[in-house]
Amino acid sequence: MSGFGCFTHAVVRAVPQSLARDALRSGGLEVDLLKVQEEYEEYVSVLKHRLGLEVLELPADEALPDCVFVEDAAVVCGDTALVSRPGAQSRRRETEAVKAALTELGLNIVEMTDESATLDGGDVLFTGREFFVGLSKRTNQRGAEILADAFKDYAVSTVPVQDALHLKSFCSMAGPGLIAIGSSEAANFSAKFDVRLICDVCIYICVFEKLKDHMLIPVTNQEKAKVDGGLTCCSVLINMKKNI
């Protein structure tokens, strides 16, 4: 876990105007496009200026209303990038621009070409020691198997996801050896299937005080949440080695 959480680069993608009207969503809330763009710009500013990452920004594609949620298109660990096969048919073409960007960065590209497999990056939680893969409406067992084959140095465990879009809709890494899990019914349902999600390296958080040993940077995400988007959805984080 040495150096875990230390990233050098981030791939992001601008917000298409079509998001407000056509992005996939589980609810029927109206989205304010201007506020989504403001949230995105704030997020990118944090990556660049607060975290000091080199940010590669891809242009928006109006034909791909969900393309700002770039995390779902790839999983990067070390110098390997697994280009995913998103569970929603309308999002499959999002991987093309992401693959090109990751290739440009010099990463080793593995493509998920099996048409029986689906995988969204939002269902993949890397702890620094192992992967948890959420089996959801967007990610299936075959997708998890291909991820395990791409990252052979790490154990891969699957976790059922119910009443949530992705695994990372309710949990994320909060620091080395520290998983933050929400208190929703979906979180409780998934956690009970793998004790490692509720062991001593894991905390339930309701207030920031429980993470007082970590730097916390509040970032607004209210509008993107209306189309089921979380903070991690908007970037692919990469730790580039000097020899890449």
C-alpha atoms as a PDB file:
ATOM      1  CA  MET A   1       0.000   0.000   0.000  1.00  0.00           C
ATOM      2  CA  SER A   2       3.072   2.257  -0.177  1.00  0.00           C
ATOM      3  CA  GLY A   3       2.126   5.427  -1.984  1.00  0.00           C
ATOM      4  CA  PHE A   4      -1.517   4.410  -2.223  1.00  0.00           C
ATOM      5  CA  GLY A   5      -3.723   7.370  -2.973  1.00  0.00           C
ATOM      6  CA  CYS A   6      -0.842   9.413  -4.400  1.00  0.00           C
ATOM      7  CA  PHE A   7      -1.856  10.352  -7.938  1.00  0.00           C
ATOM      8  CA  THR A   8      -0.094  12.417 -10.559  1.00  0.00           C
ATOM      9  CA  HIS A   9      -2.651  12.689 -13.365  1.00  0.00           C
ATOM     10  CA  ALA A  10      -6.396  12.848 -13.867  1.00  0.00           C
ATOM     11  CA  VAL A  11      -8.459  12.372 -17.014  1.00  0.00           C
ATOM     12  CA  VAL A  12     -11.709  14.346 -17.044  1.00  0.00           C
ATOM     13  CA  ARG A  13     -14.297  15.159 -19.698  1.00  0.00           C
ATOM     14  CA  ALA A  14     -16.284  18.347 -20.187  1.00  0.00           C
ATOM     15  CA  VAL A  15     -20.049  18.527 -19.647  1.00  0.00           C
ATOM     16  CA  PRO A  16     -22.205  18.202 -22.776  1.00  0.00           C
ATOM     17  CA  GLN A  17     -25.303  20.369 -22.988  1.00  0.00           C
ATOM     18  CA  SER A  18     -27.278  17.218 -23.747  1.00  0.00           C
ATOM     19  CA  LEU A  19     -26.695  15.996 -20.167  1.00  0.00           C
ATOM     20  CA  ALA A  20     -29.575  17.994 -18.703  1.00  0.00           C
ATOM     21  CA  ARG A  21     -32.097  16.511 -21.112  1.00  0.00           C
ATOM     22  CA  ASP A  22     -30.783  13.083 -22.050  1.00  0.00           C
ATOM     23  CA  ALA A  23     -28.444  11.734 -19.336  1.00  0.00           C
ATOM     24  CA  LEU A  24     -29.520   8.444 -17.779  1.00  0.00           C
ATOM     25  CA  ARG A  25     -31.097   8.781 -14.332  1.00  0.00           C
ATOM     26  CA  SER A  26     -33.110   6.791 -11.845  1.00  0.00           C
ATOM     27  CA  GLY A  27     -35.256   9.758 -10.815  1.00  0.00           C
ATOM     28  CA  GLY A  28     -37.137  12.471 -12.650  1.00  0.00           C
ATOM     29  CA  LEU A  29     -35.519  15.578 -11.170  1.00  0.00           C
ATOM     30  CA  GLU A  30     -34.881  18.524 -13.462  1.00  0.00           C
ATOM     31  CA  VAL A  31     -31.193  19.345 -13.905  1.00  0.00           C
ATOM     32  CA  ASP A  32     -29.761  22.872 -14.011  1.00  0.00           C
ATOM     33  CA  LEU A  33     -27.050  22.649 -16.688  1.00  0.00           C
ATOM     34  CA  LEU A  34     -25.325  25.852 -15.568  1.00  0.00           C
ATOM     35  CA  LYS A  35     -24.969  24.489 -12.039  1.00  0.00           C
ATOM     36  CA  VAL A  36     -23.627  21.178 -13.375  1.00  0.00           C
ATOM     37  CA  GLN A  37     -20.972  23.078 -15.318  1.00  0.00           C
ATOM     38  CA  GLU A  38     -20.091  25.115 -12.229  1.00  0.00           C
ATOM     39  CA  GLU A  39     -19.747  21.934 -10.163  1.00  0.00           C
ATOM     40  CA  TYR A  40     -17.537  20.401 -12.840  1.00  0.00           C
ATOM     41  CA  GLU A  41     -15.283  23.450 -13.049  1.00  0.00           C
ATOM     42  CA  GLU A  42     -14.934  23.527  -9.268  1.00  0.00           C
ATOM     43  CA  TYR A  43     -14.026  19.843  -9.257  1.00  0.00           C
ATOM     44  CA  VAL A  44     -11.381  20.256 -11.972  1.00  0.00           C
ATOM     45  CA  SER A  45      -9.960  23.276 -10.144  1.00  0.00           C
ATOM     46  CA  VAL A  46      -9.523  21.182  -6.997  1.00  0.00           C
ATOM     47  CA  LEU A  47      -7.730  18.464  -8.962  1.00  0.00           C
ATOM     48  CA  LYS A  48      -5.384  20.995 -10.535  1.00  0.00           C
ATOM     49  CA  HIS A  49      -4.792  23.595  -7.850  1.00  0.00           C
ATOM     50  CA  ARG A  50      -5.490  21.914  -4.513  1.00  0.00           C
ATOM     51  CA  LEU A  51      -4.166  18.442  -5.341  1.00  0.00           C
ATOM     52  CA  GLY A  52      -1.575  19.464  -7.914  1.00  0.00           C
ATOM     53  CA  LEU A  53      -2.537  16.872 -10.521  1.00  0.00           C
ATOM     54  CA  GLU A  54      -1.825  17.177 -14.220  1.00  0.00           C
ATOM     55  CA  VAL A  55      -5.307  17.173 -15.722  1.00  0.00           C
ATOM     56  CA  LEU A  56      -6.049  15.918 -19.220  1.00  0.00           C
ATOM     57  CA  GLU A  57      -9.447  17.307 -20.212  1.00  0.00           C
ATOM     58  CA  LEU A  58     -11.331  15.633 -23.031  1.00  0.00           C
ATOM     59  CA  PRO A  59     -13.952  17.559 -25.014  1.00  0.00           C
ATOM     60  CA  ALA A  60     -17.625  16.924 -24.452  1.00  0.00           C
ATOM     61  CA  ASP A  61     -19.552  14.890 -27.009  1.00  0.00           C
ATOM     62  CA  GLU A  62     -23.169  15.978 -27.420  1.00  0.00           C
ATOM     63  CA  ALA A  63     -24.059  12.512 -28.720  1.00  0.00           C
ATOM     64  CA  LEU A  64     -22.929  11.069 -25.364  1.00  0.00           C
ATOM     65  CA  PRO A  65     -24.919  12.877 -22.659  1.00  0.00           C
ATOM     66  CA  ASP A  66     -23.306  10.909 -19.791  1.00  0.00           C
ATOM     67  CA  CYS A  67     -19.728  11.351 -20.977  1.00  0.00           C
ATOM     68  CA  VAL A  68     -18.705  13.656 -18.098  1.00  0.00           C
ATOM     69  CA  PHE A  69     -18.827  10.551 -15.883  1.00  0.00           C
ATOM     70  CA  VAL A  70     -15.532   9.378 -17.313  1.00  0.00           C
ATOM     71  CA  GLU A  71     -14.713   6.966 -14.476  1.00  0.00           C
ATOM     72  CA  ASP A  72     -17.051   4.340 -15.894  1.00  0.00           C
ATOM     73  CA  ALA A  73     -15.027   4.015 -19.097  1.00  0.00           C
ATOM     74  CA  ALA A  74     -11.806   2.649 -17.584  1.00  0.00           C
ATOM     75  CA  VAL A  75     -10.081   1.212 -14.516  1.00  0.00           C
ATOM     76  CA  VAL A  76      -6.430   2.164 -14.035  1.00  0.00           C
ATOM     77  CA  CYS A  77      -4.042   0.484 -11.619  1.00  0.00           C
ATOM     78  CA  GLY A  78      -0.294   0.918 -11.887  1.00  0.00           C
ATOM     79  CA  ASP A  79       0.676   1.141 -15.543  1.00  0.00           C
ATOM     80  CA  THR A  80      -2.314  -0.885 -16.786  1.00  0.00           C
ATOM     81  CA  ALA A  81      -5.601   0.562 -17.983  1.00  0.00           C
ATOM     82  CA  LEU A  82      -8.604  -1.701 -18.473  1.00  0.00           C
ATOM     83  CA  VAL A  83     -10.982  -0.095 -20.957  1.00  0.00           C
ATOM     84  CA  SER A  84     -14.399  -1.162 -19.755  1.00  0.00           C
ATOM     85  CA  ARG A  85     -17.603  -2.174 -21.494  1.00  0.00           C
ATOM     86  CA  PRO A  86     -20.274   0.002 -19.819  1.00  0.00           C
ATOM     87  CA  GLY A  87     -23.501  -1.671 -18.840  1.00  0.00           C
ATOM     88  CA  ALA A  88     -25.682   0.922 -20.573  1.00  0.00           C
ATOM     89  CA  GLN A  89     -25.680   0.484 -24.359  1.00  0.00           C
ATOM     90  CA  SER A  90     -25.904   4.254 -24.877  1.00  0.00           C
ATOM     91  CA  ARG A  91     -22.579   4.730 -23.080  1.00  0.00           C
ATOM     92  CA  ARG A  92     -20.407   2.232 -24.952  1.00  0.00           C
ATOM     93  CA  ARG A  93     -18.868   4.804 -27.302  1.00  0.00           C
ATOM     94  CA  GLU A  94     -17.588   6.841 -24.341  1.00  0.00           C
ATOM     95  CA  THR A  95     -14.654   4.469 -24.076  1.00  0.00           C
ATOM     96  CA  GLU A  96     -13.174   5.521 -27.426  1.00  0.00           C
ATOM     97  CA  ALA A  97     -11.906   8.958 -26.339  1.00  0.00           C
ATOM     98  CA  VAL A  98     -10.845   7.651 -22.933  1.00  0.00           C
ATOM     99  CA  LYS A  99      -8.855   4.833 -24.515  1.00  0.00           C
ATOM    100  CA  ALA A 100      -7.094   7.331 -26.790  1.00  0.00           C
ATOM    101  CA  ALA A 101      -6.192   9.538 -23.827  1.00  0.00           C
ATOM    102  CA  LEU A 102      -4.830   6.653 -21.762  1.00  0.00           C
ATOM    103  CA  THR A 103      -2.855   5.407 -24.759  1.00  0.00           C
ATOM    104  CA  GLU A 104      -1.377   8.894 -25.158  1.00  0.00           C
ATOM    105  CA  LEU A 105      -0.249   8.755 -21.532  1.00  0.00           C
ATOM    106  CA  GLY A 106       1.678   5.578 -22.315  1.00  0.00           C
ATOM    107  CA  LEU A 107      -0.351   3.133 -20.253  1.00  0.00           C
ATOM    108  CA  ASN A 108      -0.695  -0.530 -21.173  1.00  0.00           C
ATOM    109  CA  ILE A 109      -4.185  -0.872 -22.594  1.00  0.00           C
ATOM    110  CA  VAL A 110      -6.381  -3.914 -22.011  1.00  0.00           C
ATOM    111  CA  GLU A 111      -9.739  -3.831 -23.790  1.00  0.00           C
ATOM    112  CA  MET A 112     -12.878  -5.582 -22.613  1.00  0.00           C
ATOM    113  CA  THR A 113     -14.103  -7.041 -25.884  1.00  0.00           C
ATOM    114  CA  ASP A 114     -16.222  -9.942 -24.613  1.00  0.00           C
ATOM    115  CA  GLU A 115     -19.777  -9.020 -25.571  1.00  0.00           C
ATOM    116  CA  SER A 116     -21.158 -10.988 -22.635  1.00  0.00           C
ATOM    117  CA  ALA A 117     -19.276  -8.771 -20.162  1.00  0.00           C
ATOM    118  CA  THR A 118     -20.303  -5.435 -18.677  1.00  0.00           C
ATOM    119  CA  LEU A 119     -18.333  -3.284 -16.281  1.00  0.00           C
ATOM    120  CA  ASP A 120     -18.699   0.308 -15.074  1.00  0.00           C
ATOM    121  CA  GLY A 121     -15.724   1.851 -13.298  1.00  0.00           C
ATOM    122  CA  GLY A 122     -18.118   3.160 -10.667  1.00  0.00           C
ATOM    123  CA  ASP A 123     -18.531  -0.426  -9.499  1.00  0.00           C
ATOM    124  CA  VAL A 124     -14.794  -0.911  -8.910  1.00  0.00           C
ATOM    125  CA  LEU A 125     -13.225  -0.034  -5.553  1.00  0.00           C
ATOM    126  CA  PHE A 126      -9.454  -0.517  -5.281  1.00  0.00           C
ATOM    127  CA  THR A 127      -8.166  -0.534  -1.706  1.00  0.00           C
ATOM    128  CA  GLY A 128      -4.463  -0.650  -2.514  1.00  0.00           C
ATOM    129  CA  ARG A 129      -4.403  -4.355  -1.654  1.00  0.00           C
ATOM    130  CA  GLU A 130      -7.420  -5.759  -3.462  1.00  0.00           C
ATOM    131  CA  PHE A 131     -10.377  -4.918  -5.672  1.00  0.00           C
ATOM    132  CA  PHE A 132     -14.029  -4.985  -4.711  1.00  0.00           C
ATOM    133  CA  VAL A 133     -16.351  -5.168  -7.723  1.00  0.00           C
ATOM    134  CA  GLY A 134     -20.023  -4.411  -7.322  1.00  0.00           C
ATOM    135  CA  LEU A 135     -22.394  -6.688  -9.208  1.00  0.00           C
ATOM    136  CA  SER A 136     -25.072  -4.214 -10.195  1.00  0.00           C
ATOM    137  CA  LYS A 137     -27.422  -3.376 -13.049  1.00  0.00           C
ATOM    138  CA  ARG A 138     -24.358  -2.089 -14.905  1.00  0.00           C
ATOM    139  CA  THR A 139     -21.668  -4.662 -13.992  1.00  0.00           C
ATOM    140  CA  ASN A 140     -21.871  -8.447 -14.250  1.00  0.00           C
ATOM    141  CA  GLN A 141     -19.826 -11.433 -13.137  1.00  0.00           C
ATOM    142  CA  ARG A 142     -18.041 -11.765 -16.470  1.00  0.00           C
ATOM    143  CA  GLY A 143     -16.917  -8.155 -16.249  1.00  0.00           C
ATOM    144  CA  ALA A 144     -15.464  -8.836 -12.792  1.00  0.00           C
ATOM    145  CA  GLU A 145     -13.658 -11.906 -14.132  1.00  0.00           C
ATOM    146  CA  ILE A 146     -12.019  -9.912 -16.912  1.00  0.00           C
ATOM    147  CA  LEU A 147     -10.918  -7.269 -14.403  1.00  0.00           C
ATOM    148  CA  ALA A 148      -9.360  -9.998 -12.257  1.00  0.00           C
ATOM    149  CA  ASP A 149      -7.489 -11.299 -15.286  1.00  0.00           C
ATOM    150  CA  ALA A 150      -6.231  -7.786 -16.140  1.00  0.00           C
ATOM    151  CA  PHE A 151      -4.906  -7.163 -12.618  1.00  0.00           C
ATOM    152  CA  LYS A 152      -3.551 -10.562 -11.637  1.00  0.00           C
ATOM    153  CA  ASP A 153      -1.430  -9.231  -8.758  1.00  0.00           C
ATOM    154  CA  TYR A 154      -4.523  -8.389  -6.704  1.00  0.00           C
ATOM    155  CA  ALA A 155      -7.385 -10.362  -5.210  1.00  0.00           C
ATOM    156  CA  VAL A 156     -10.819  -9.505  -6.583  1.00  0.00           C
ATOM    157  CA  SER A 157     -14.012  -9.922  -4.556  1.00  0.00           C
ATOM    158  CA  THR A 158     -17.513  -9.334  -5.863  1.00  0.00           C
ATOM    159  CA  VAL A 159     -20.180  -7.586  -3.806  1.00  0.00           C
ATOM    160  CA  PRO A 160     -23.899  -7.522  -4.698  1.00  0.00           C
ATOM    161  CA  VAL A 161     -25.323  -4.030  -5.206  1.00  0.00           C
ATOM    162  CA  GLN A 162     -29.008  -3.461  -4.615  1.00  0.00           C
ATOM    163  CA  ASP A 163     -31.012  -0.220  -4.757  1.00  0.00           C
ATOM    164  CA  ALA A 164     -28.014   1.803  -5.930  1.00  0.00           C
ATOM    165  CA  LEU A 165     -26.480   2.488  -9.317  1.00  0.00           C
ATOM    166  CA  HIS A 166     -22.901   1.522  -8.422  1.00  0.00           C
ATOM    167  CA  LEU A 167     -20.825   0.174  -5.548  1.00  0.00           C
ATOM    168  CA  LYS A 168     -19.183   3.571  -5.191  1.00  0.00           C
ATOM    169  CA  SER A 169     -22.580   5.214  -4.931  1.00  0.00           C
ATOM    170  CA  PHE A 170     -22.309   4.486  -1.216  1.00  0.00           C
ATOM    171  CA  CYS A 171     -18.664   3.695  -0.427  1.00  0.00           C
ATOM    172  CA  SER A 172     -15.201   4.931  -1.301  1.00  0.00           C
ATOM    173  CA  MET A 173     -11.633   4.944  -0.056  1.00  0.00           C
ATOM    174  CA  ALA A 174     -11.121   7.644   2.577  1.00  0.00           C
ATOM    175  CA  GLY A 175      -7.412   6.961   3.091  1.00  0.00           C
ATOM    176  CA  PRO A 176      -4.898   4.104   3.225  1.00  0.00           C
ATOM    177  CA  GLY A 177      -6.651   1.128   4.808  1.00  0.00           C
ATOM    178  CA  LEU A 178      -9.791   3.193   5.348  1.00  0.00           C
ATOM    179  CA  ILE A 179     -13.077   2.583   3.559  1.00  0.00           C
ATOM    180  CA  ALA A 180     -15.892   5.063   4.090  1.00  0.00           C
ATOM    181  CA  ILE A 181     -19.359   3.536   3.827  1.00  0.00           C
ATOM    182  CA  GLY A 182     -22.654   5.371   3.970  1.00  0.00           C
ATOM    183  CA  SER A 183     -25.496   4.427   6.267  1.00  0.00           C
ATOM    184  CA  SER A 184     -28.125   3.770   3.578  1.00  0.00           C
ATOM    185  CA  GLU A 185     -29.994   0.500   3.187  1.00  0.00           C
ATOM    186  CA  ALA A 186     -28.061  -0.177  -0.024  1.00  0.00           C
ATOM    187  CA  ALA A 187     -24.775   0.213   1.855  1.00  0.00           C
ATOM    188  CA  ASN A 188     -25.865  -2.091   4.659  1.00  0.00           C
ATOM    189  CA  PHE A 189     -27.119  -4.696   2.195  1.00  0.00           C
ATOM    190  CA  SER A 190     -23.801  -4.870   0.327  1.00  0.00           C
ATOM    191  CA  ALA A 191     -21.565  -4.671   3.398  1.00  0.00           C
ATOM    192  CA  LYS A 192     -23.095  -7.742   5.036  1.00  0.00           C
ATOM    193  CA  PHE A 193     -21.919  -9.920   2.129  1.00  0.00           C
ATOM    194  CA  ASP A 194     -18.214  -9.253   2.724  1.00  0.00           C
ATOM    195  CA  VAL A 195     -16.904  -8.810   6.244  1.00  0.00           C
ATOM    196  CA  ARG A 196     -13.922  -6.871   4.908  1.00  0.00           C
ATOM    197  CA  LEU A 197     -16.301  -4.036   4.117  1.00  0.00           C
ATOM    198  CA  ILE A 198     -17.243  -3.765   7.785  1.00  0.00           C
ATOM    199  CA  CYS A 199     -13.994  -4.663   9.542  1.00  0.00           C
ATOM    200  CA  ASP A 200     -11.640  -2.475  11.524  1.00  0.00           C
ATOM    201  CA  VAL A 201     -10.248  -0.746   8.419  1.00  0.00           C
ATOM    202  CA  CYS A 202     -13.725   0.511   7.657  1.00  0.00           C
ATOM    203  CA  ILE A 203     -15.798   3.290   9.179  1.00  0.00           C
ATOM    204  CA  TYR A 204     -19.370   4.472   8.820  1.00  0.00           C
ATOM    205  CA  ILE A 205     -19.403   8.227   8.330  1.00  0.00           C
ATOM    206  CA  CYS A 206     -22.109  10.779   8.963  1.00  0.00           C
ATOM    207  CA  VAL A 207     -19.936  13.772   9.888  1.00  0.00           C
ATOM    208  CA  PHE A 208     -16.519  14.999   8.797  1.00  0.00           C
ATOM    209  CA  GLU A 209     -15.116  14.844  12.325  1.00  0.00           C
ATOM    210  CA  LYS A 210     -14.563  11.106  11.974  1.00  0.00           C
ATOM    211  CA  LEU A 211     -12.036  11.861   9.237  1.00  0.00           C
ATOM    212  CA  LYS A 212     -10.270  14.685  11.057  1.00  0.00           C
ATOM    213  CA  ASP A 213      -6.822  13.198  10.345  1.00  0.00           C
ATOM    214  CA  HIS A 214      -7.326  13.668   6.603  1.00  0.00           C
ATOM    215  CA  MET A 215      -7.498  16.750   4.416  1.00  0.00           C
ATOM    216  CA  LEU A 216     -11.122  17.366   3.530  1.00  0.00           C
ATOM    217  CA  ILE A 217     -12.069  19.548   0.573  1.00  0.00           C
ATOM    218  CA  PRO A 218     -15.838  20.107   0.272  1.00  0.00           C
ATOM    219  CA  VAL A 219     -17.014  20.010  -3.350  1.00  0.00           C
ATOM    220  CA  THR A 220     -20.613  20.543  -4.432  1.00  0.00           C
ATOM    221  CA  ASN A 221     -22.246  17.656  -6.272  1.00  0.00           C
ATOM    222  CA  GLN A 222     -25.973  18.310  -5.920  1.00  0.00           C
ATOM    223  CA  GLU A 223     -26.831  18.700  -9.595  1.00  0.00           C
ATOM    224  CA  LYS A 224     -24.786  15.753 -10.842  1.00  0.00           C
ATOM    225  CA  ALA A 225     -26.419  13.610  -8.159  1.00  0.00           C
ATOM    226  CA  LYS A 226     -29.740  14.167  -9.938  1.00  0.00           C
ATOM    227  CA  VAL A 227     -28.399  12.008 -12.769  1.00  0.00           C
ATOM    228  CA  ASP A 228     -26.865   9.514 -10.325  1.00  0.00           C
ATOM    229  CA  GLY A 229     -23.371  10.994 -10.560  1.00  0.00           C
ATOM    230  CA  GLY A 230     -20.919  10.909  -7.645  1.00  0.00           C
ATOM    231  CA  LEU A 231     -17.663  12.775  -7.135  1.00  0.00           C
ATOM    232  CA  THR A 232     -15.466   9.868  -8.182  1.00  0.00           C
ATOM    233  CA  CYS A 233     -17.443   9.523 -11.426  1.00  0.00           C
ATOM    234  CA  CYS A 234     -15.866  12.618 -12.951  1.00  0.00           C
ATOM    235  CA  SER A 235     -12.233  11.522 -13.202  1.00  0.00           C
ATOM    236  CA  VAL A 236      -9.911   8.637 -13.883  1.00  0.00           C
ATOM    237  CA  LEU A 237      -7.012   9.026 -11.437  1.00  0.00           C
ATOM    238  CA  ILE A 238      -3.556   7.817 -12.434  1.00  0.00           C
ATOM    239  CA  ASN A 239      -0.211   7.487 -10.684  1.00  0.00           C
ATOM    240  CA  MET A 240       2.358   7.810 -13.449  1.00  0.00           C
ATOM    241  CA  LYS A 241       5.738   6.238 -12.862  1.00  0.00           C
ATOM    242  CA  LYS A 242       8.772   8.143 -14.122  1.00  0.00           C
ATOM    243  CA  ASN A 243       9.615   5.459 -16.642  1.00  0.00           C
ATOM    244  CA  ILE A 244       6.210   5.486 -18.300  1.00  0.00           C
END
